[in-house]
């Protein structure tokens, strides 16, 4: 019965997730991005901690830093245009570190 209250943790979290999903989807469509669902998924993943500001902020910071590092790695790979085997090795290393850091 506590979660039925207008200012309960679950109600406020659901409202934040709802509005962030709607707005991120609309903004990505307005910018003409091909996959607006990724913006919605990112908003939900960041806000899933609810009103806990520290874990949510840490998760958002990790996602931001991971995205920036990933873009840097992609830029280096794109500039160097490696052959098939070095590219495969780069992908294996990136996948390894992604699996290690997710946990």
N, C-alpha and C. Protein backbone atom coordinates (compact mmCIF):
# COMPACT_ATOMS: atom_id res chain seq x y z
N UNK A 1 0.81 -1.20 0.00
CA UNK A 1 0.00 0.00 0.00
C UNK A 1 0.85 1.27 0.00
N UNK A 2 2.09 1.16 0.47
CA UNK A 2 2.94 2.35 0.49
C UNK A 2 3.29 2.83 -0.91
N UNK A 3 3.37 1.92 -1.89
CA UNK A 3 3.76 2.32 -3.24
C UNK A 3 2.63 2.98 -4.01
N UNK A 4 1.42 2.94 -3.49
CA UNK A 4 0.29 3.59 -4.16
C UNK A 4 0.36 5.10 -3.96
N UNK A 5 1.06 5.54 -2.94
CA UNK A 5 1.17 6.96 -2.63
C UNK A 5 1.82 7.71 -3.79
N UNK A 6 1.41 8.94 -4.00
CA UNK A 6 1.88 9.75 -5.12
C UNK A 6 3.38 10.04 -5.06
N UNK A 7 3.92 10.16 -3.86
CA UNK A 7 5.33 10.50 -3.70
C UNK A 7 6.16 9.30 -3.22
N UNK A 8 5.69 8.12 -3.47
CA UNK A 8 6.45 6.93 -3.07
C UNK A 8 7.64 6.73 -4.00
N UNK A 9 8.60 5.97 -3.54
CA UNK A 9 9.81 5.70 -4.31
C UNK A 9 9.48 5.08 -5.66
N UNK A 10 8.62 4.08 -5.67
CA UNK A 10 8.29 3.39 -6.93
C UNK A 10 7.52 4.29 -7.89
N UNK A 11 6.62 5.11 -7.38
CA UNK A 11 5.85 5.99 -8.26
C UNK A 11 6.75 7.06 -8.89
N UNK A 12 7.60 7.67 -8.07
CA UNK A 12 8.50 8.69 -8.60
C UNK A 12 9.50 8.10 -9.59
N UNK A 13 9.99 6.91 -9.32
CA UNK A 13 10.91 6.25 -10.26
C UNK A 13 10.21 5.95 -11.58
N UNK A 14 9.00 5.44 -11.50
CA UNK A 14 8.25 5.14 -12.72
C UNK A 14 7.98 6.41 -13.53
N UNK A 15 7.69 7.51 -12.85
CA UNK A 15 7.46 8.77 -13.56
C UNK A 15 8.73 9.26 -14.25
N UNK A 16 9.86 9.18 -13.54
CA UNK A 16 11.12 9.61 -14.14
C UNK A 16 11.47 8.76 -15.36
N UNK A 17 11.33 7.45 -15.24
CA UNK A 17 11.64 6.57 -16.36
C UNK A 17 10.71 6.84 -17.53
N UNK A 18 9.42 7.03 -17.26
CA UNK A 18 8.45 7.29 -18.32
C UNK A 18 8.81 8.56 -19.08
N UNK A 19 9.00 9.67 -18.36
CA UNK A 19 9.27 10.93 -19.03
C UNK A 19 10.64 10.95 -19.72
N UNK A 20 11.64 10.34 -19.11
CA UNK A 20 12.95 10.29 -19.75
C UNK A 20 12.90 9.47 -21.02
N UNK A 21 12.14 8.38 -21.01
CA UNK A 21 12.00 7.55 -22.21
C UNK A 21 11.29 8.30 -23.32
N UNK A 22 10.19 8.95 -22.98
CA UNK A 22 9.43 9.71 -23.99
C UNK A 22 10.30 10.82 -24.57
N UNK A 23 10.93 11.62 -23.70
CA UNK A 23 11.72 12.75 -24.18
C UNK A 23 12.95 12.31 -24.98
N UNK A 24 13.66 11.28 -24.51
CA UNK A 24 14.84 10.83 -25.25
C UNK A 24 14.45 10.26 -26.61
N UNK A 25 13.33 9.55 -26.67
CA UNK A 25 12.85 9.04 -27.95
C UNK A 25 12.46 10.16 -28.91
N UNK A 26 11.77 11.16 -28.39
CA UNK A 26 11.35 12.28 -29.23
C UNK A 26 12.55 13.10 -29.72
N UNK A 27 13.53 13.32 -28.84
CA UNK A 27 14.71 14.09 -29.23
C UNK A 27 15.51 13.34 -30.29
N UNK A 28 15.67 12.03 -30.12
CA UNK A 28 16.44 11.28 -31.11
C UNK A 28 15.71 11.22 -32.46
N UNK A 29 14.39 11.17 -32.44
CA UNK A 29 13.63 11.23 -33.69
C UNK A 29 13.75 12.61 -34.32
N UNK A 30 13.71 13.66 -33.49
CA UNK A 30 13.83 15.02 -34.01
C UNK A 30 15.19 15.26 -34.68
N UNK A 31 16.24 14.64 -34.14
CA UNK A 31 17.57 14.76 -34.74
C UNK A 31 17.76 13.82 -35.92
N UNK A 32 16.80 12.98 -36.19
CA UNK A 32 16.87 12.09 -37.35
C UNK A 32 17.78 10.89 -37.15
N UNK A 33 17.98 10.48 -35.90
CA UNK A 33 18.82 9.31 -35.65
C UNK A 33 18.08 8.05 -36.08
N UNK A 34 18.83 7.09 -36.57
CA UNK A 34 18.22 5.88 -37.12
C UNK A 34 17.68 4.93 -36.08
N UNK A 35 18.20 4.97 -34.86
CA UNK A 35 17.77 4.04 -33.82
C UNK A 35 17.37 4.79 -32.55
N UNK A 36 16.16 5.37 -32.50
CA UNK A 36 15.75 6.09 -31.28
C UNK A 36 15.57 5.16 -30.09
N UNK A 37 15.44 3.86 -30.33
CA UNK A 37 15.28 2.93 -29.21
C UNK A 37 16.52 2.87 -28.33
N UNK A 38 17.70 3.15 -28.90
CA UNK A 38 18.91 3.15 -28.09
C UNK A 38 18.90 4.28 -27.07
N UNK A 39 18.36 5.42 -27.43
CA UNK A 39 18.25 6.53 -26.47
C UNK A 39 17.30 6.16 -25.34
N UNK A 40 16.22 5.49 -25.68
CA UNK A 40 15.26 5.08 -24.66
C UNK A 40 15.87 4.04 -23.73
N UNK A 41 16.56 3.06 -24.29
CA UNK A 41 17.21 2.03 -23.48
C UNK A 41 18.25 2.65 -22.56
N UNK A 42 19.03 3.59 -23.07
CA UNK A 42 20.03 4.26 -22.24
C UNK A 42 19.38 5.01 -21.08
N UNK A 43 18.29 5.69 -21.35
CA UNK A 43 17.59 6.42 -20.28
C UNK A 43 17.07 5.46 -19.21
N UNK A 44 16.52 4.35 -19.64
CA UNK A 44 16.00 3.37 -18.67
C UNK A 44 17.13 2.76 -17.86
N UNK A 45 18.24 2.43 -18.51
CA UNK A 45 19.35 1.82 -17.79
C UNK A 45 19.94 2.77 -16.75
N UNK A 46 20.02 4.03 -17.07
CA UNK A 46 20.58 4.99 -16.12
C UNK A 46 19.61 5.23 -14.96
N UNK A 47 18.32 5.29 -15.25
CA UNK A 47 17.34 5.63 -14.22
C UNK A 47 16.80 4.43 -13.45
N UNK A 48 17.24 3.24 -13.77
CA UNK A 48 16.68 2.07 -13.10
C UNK A 48 16.99 2.03 -11.61
N UNK A 49 17.97 2.80 -11.16
CA UNK A 49 18.30 2.83 -9.74
C UNK A 49 17.29 3.65 -8.96
N UNK A 50 16.43 4.36 -9.65
CA UNK A 50 15.42 5.13 -8.96
C UNK A 50 15.97 6.42 -8.40
N UNK A 51 15.55 6.72 -7.20
CA UNK A 51 15.91 8.00 -6.60
C UNK A 51 17.24 7.96 -5.86
N UNK A 52 17.91 6.84 -5.90
CA UNK A 52 19.22 6.74 -5.28
C UNK A 52 20.20 7.51 -6.16
N UNK A 53 20.59 8.68 -5.73
CA UNK A 53 21.39 9.57 -6.57
C UNK A 53 22.81 9.08 -6.79
N UNK A 54 23.44 8.53 -5.77
CA UNK A 54 24.83 8.12 -5.92
C UNK A 54 24.99 6.94 -6.88
N UNK A 55 24.28 5.82 -6.69
CA UNK A 55 24.43 4.72 -7.66
C UNK A 55 24.01 5.11 -9.07
N UNK A 56 22.94 5.89 -9.19
CA UNK A 56 22.49 6.32 -10.51
C UNK A 56 23.49 7.23 -11.19
N UNK A 57 24.09 8.13 -10.41
CA UNK A 57 25.10 9.04 -10.98
C UNK A 57 26.36 8.29 -11.38
N UNK A 58 26.77 7.34 -10.55
CA UNK A 58 27.96 6.54 -10.88
C UNK A 58 27.71 5.74 -12.15
N UNK A 59 26.55 5.14 -12.27
CA UNK A 59 26.23 4.37 -13.47
C UNK A 59 26.20 5.26 -14.71
N UNK A 60 25.62 6.44 -14.58
CA UNK A 60 25.58 7.37 -15.71
C UNK A 60 26.99 7.81 -16.11
N UNK A 61 27.84 8.07 -15.12
CA UNK A 61 29.22 8.45 -15.42
C UNK A 61 29.97 7.32 -16.10
N UNK A 62 29.77 6.09 -15.64
CA UNK A 62 30.41 4.94 -16.29
C UNK A 62 29.96 4.80 -17.73
N UNK A 63 28.67 4.97 -17.98
CA UNK A 63 28.17 4.86 -19.35
C UNK A 63 28.75 5.97 -20.24
N UNK A 64 28.84 7.18 -19.69
CA UNK A 64 29.39 8.29 -20.47
C UNK A 64 30.86 8.04 -20.80
N UNK A 65 31.65 7.68 -19.80
CA UNK A 65 33.07 7.41 -20.05
C UNK A 65 33.27 6.23 -21.00
N UNK A 66 32.46 5.18 -20.84
CA UNK A 66 32.54 4.04 -21.74
C UNK A 66 32.22 4.42 -23.18
N UNK A 67 31.23 5.28 -23.35
CA UNK A 67 30.87 5.73 -24.70
C UNK A 67 31.99 6.56 -25.32
N UNK A 68 32.60 7.45 -24.53
CA UNK A 68 33.69 8.29 -25.05
C UNK A 68 34.89 7.43 -25.42
N UNK A 69 35.25 6.49 -24.56
CA UNK A 69 36.39 5.59 -24.86
C UNK A 69 36.08 4.74 -26.09
N UNK A 70 34.85 4.25 -26.19
CA UNK A 70 34.48 3.44 -27.35
C UNK A 70 34.55 4.24 -28.65
N UNK A 71 34.12 5.49 -28.62
CA UNK A 71 34.22 6.34 -29.81
C UNK A 71 35.67 6.58 -30.19
N UNK A 72 36.54 6.75 -29.19
CA UNK A 72 37.97 6.91 -29.46
C UNK A 72 38.57 5.68 -30.10
N UNK A 73 38.22 4.51 -29.58
CA UNK A 73 38.72 3.25 -30.16
C UNK A 73 38.20 3.09 -31.58
N UNK A 74 36.92 3.39 -31.79
CA UNK A 74 36.37 3.29 -33.14
C UNK A 74 37.08 4.23 -34.10
N UNK A 75 37.37 5.46 -33.65
CA UNK A 75 38.06 6.43 -34.51
C UNK A 75 39.45 5.92 -34.88
N UNK A 76 40.16 5.34 -33.92
CA UNK A 76 41.49 4.80 -34.21
C UNK A 76 41.42 3.64 -35.20
N UNK A 77 40.45 2.76 -35.00
CA UNK A 77 40.30 1.63 -35.93
C UNK A 77 39.91 2.13 -37.31
N UNK A 78 39.02 3.10 -37.37
CA UNK A 78 38.57 3.63 -38.66
C UNK A 78 39.70 4.32 -39.40
N UNK A 79 40.53 5.06 -38.68
CA UNK A 79 41.63 5.78 -39.31
C UNK A 79 42.70 4.82 -39.83
N UNK A 80 43.02 3.79 -39.03
CA UNK A 80 44.09 2.87 -39.41
C UNK A 80 43.67 1.84 -40.45
N UNK A 81 42.37 1.55 -40.56
CA UNK A 81 41.86 0.57 -41.52
C UNK A 81 42.65 -0.74 -41.47
N UNK A 82 42.62 -1.45 -40.34
CA UNK A 82 43.40 -2.68 -40.24
C UNK A 82 42.84 -3.78 -41.13
N UNK A 83 43.70 -4.75 -41.43
CA UNK A 83 43.28 -5.91 -42.23
C UNK A 83 42.36 -6.79 -41.39
N UNK A 84 41.94 -7.90 -41.95
CA UNK A 84 40.94 -8.75 -41.31
C UNK A 84 41.42 -9.33 -39.96
N UNK A 85 42.59 -9.92 -39.92
CA UNK A 85 43.07 -10.56 -38.69
C UNK A 85 43.35 -9.56 -37.57
N UNK A 86 44.02 -8.45 -37.83
CA UNK A 86 44.18 -7.46 -36.75
C UNK A 86 42.84 -6.88 -36.27
N UNK A 87 41.91 -6.71 -37.20
CA UNK A 87 40.59 -6.22 -36.82
C UNK A 87 39.89 -7.23 -35.92
N UNK A 88 40.00 -8.50 -36.26
CA UNK A 88 39.41 -9.55 -35.44
C UNK A 88 40.04 -9.55 -34.04
N UNK A 89 41.34 -9.38 -33.96
CA UNK A 89 42.03 -9.34 -32.68
C UNK A 89 41.57 -8.12 -31.85
N UNK A 90 41.40 -6.98 -32.49
CA UNK A 90 40.91 -5.78 -31.81
C UNK A 90 39.50 -6.03 -31.26
N UNK A 91 38.64 -6.66 -32.05
CA UNK A 91 37.28 -6.95 -31.60
C UNK A 91 37.27 -7.92 -30.43
N UNK A 92 38.15 -8.93 -30.47
CA UNK A 92 38.24 -9.89 -29.37
C UNK A 92 38.68 -9.19 -28.09
N UNK A 93 39.67 -8.33 -28.18
CA UNK A 93 40.15 -7.60 -27.00
C UNK A 93 39.06 -6.69 -26.45
N UNK A 94 38.37 -5.98 -27.33
CA UNK A 94 37.28 -5.09 -26.88
C UNK A 94 36.17 -5.90 -26.22
N UNK A 95 35.82 -7.03 -26.79
CA UNK A 95 34.77 -7.87 -26.20
C UNK A 95 35.20 -8.41 -24.84
N UNK A 96 36.47 -8.80 -24.72
CA UNK A 96 37.00 -9.28 -23.45
C UNK A 96 36.86 -8.21 -22.36
N UNK A 97 37.31 -7.01 -22.66
CA UNK A 97 37.23 -5.94 -21.66
C UNK A 97 35.79 -5.52 -21.39
N UNK A 98 34.92 -5.61 -22.37
CA UNK A 98 33.52 -5.31 -22.13
C UNK A 98 32.92 -6.31 -21.14
N UNK A 99 33.25 -7.59 -21.30
CA UNK A 99 32.75 -8.61 -20.39
C UNK A 99 33.34 -8.45 -19.00
N UNK A 100 34.59 -8.06 -18.91
CA UNK A 100 35.22 -7.88 -17.61
C UNK A 100 34.64 -6.67 -16.87
N UNK A 101 34.44 -5.56 -17.56
CA UNK A 101 33.98 -4.35 -16.90
C UNK A 101 32.49 -4.34 -16.62
N UNK A 102 31.71 -5.12 -17.33
CA UNK A 102 30.26 -5.16 -17.08
C UNK A 102 30.01 -5.74 -15.70
N UNK A 103 30.75 -6.74 -15.33
CA UNK A 103 30.55 -7.36 -14.02
C UNK A 103 30.96 -6.39 -12.94
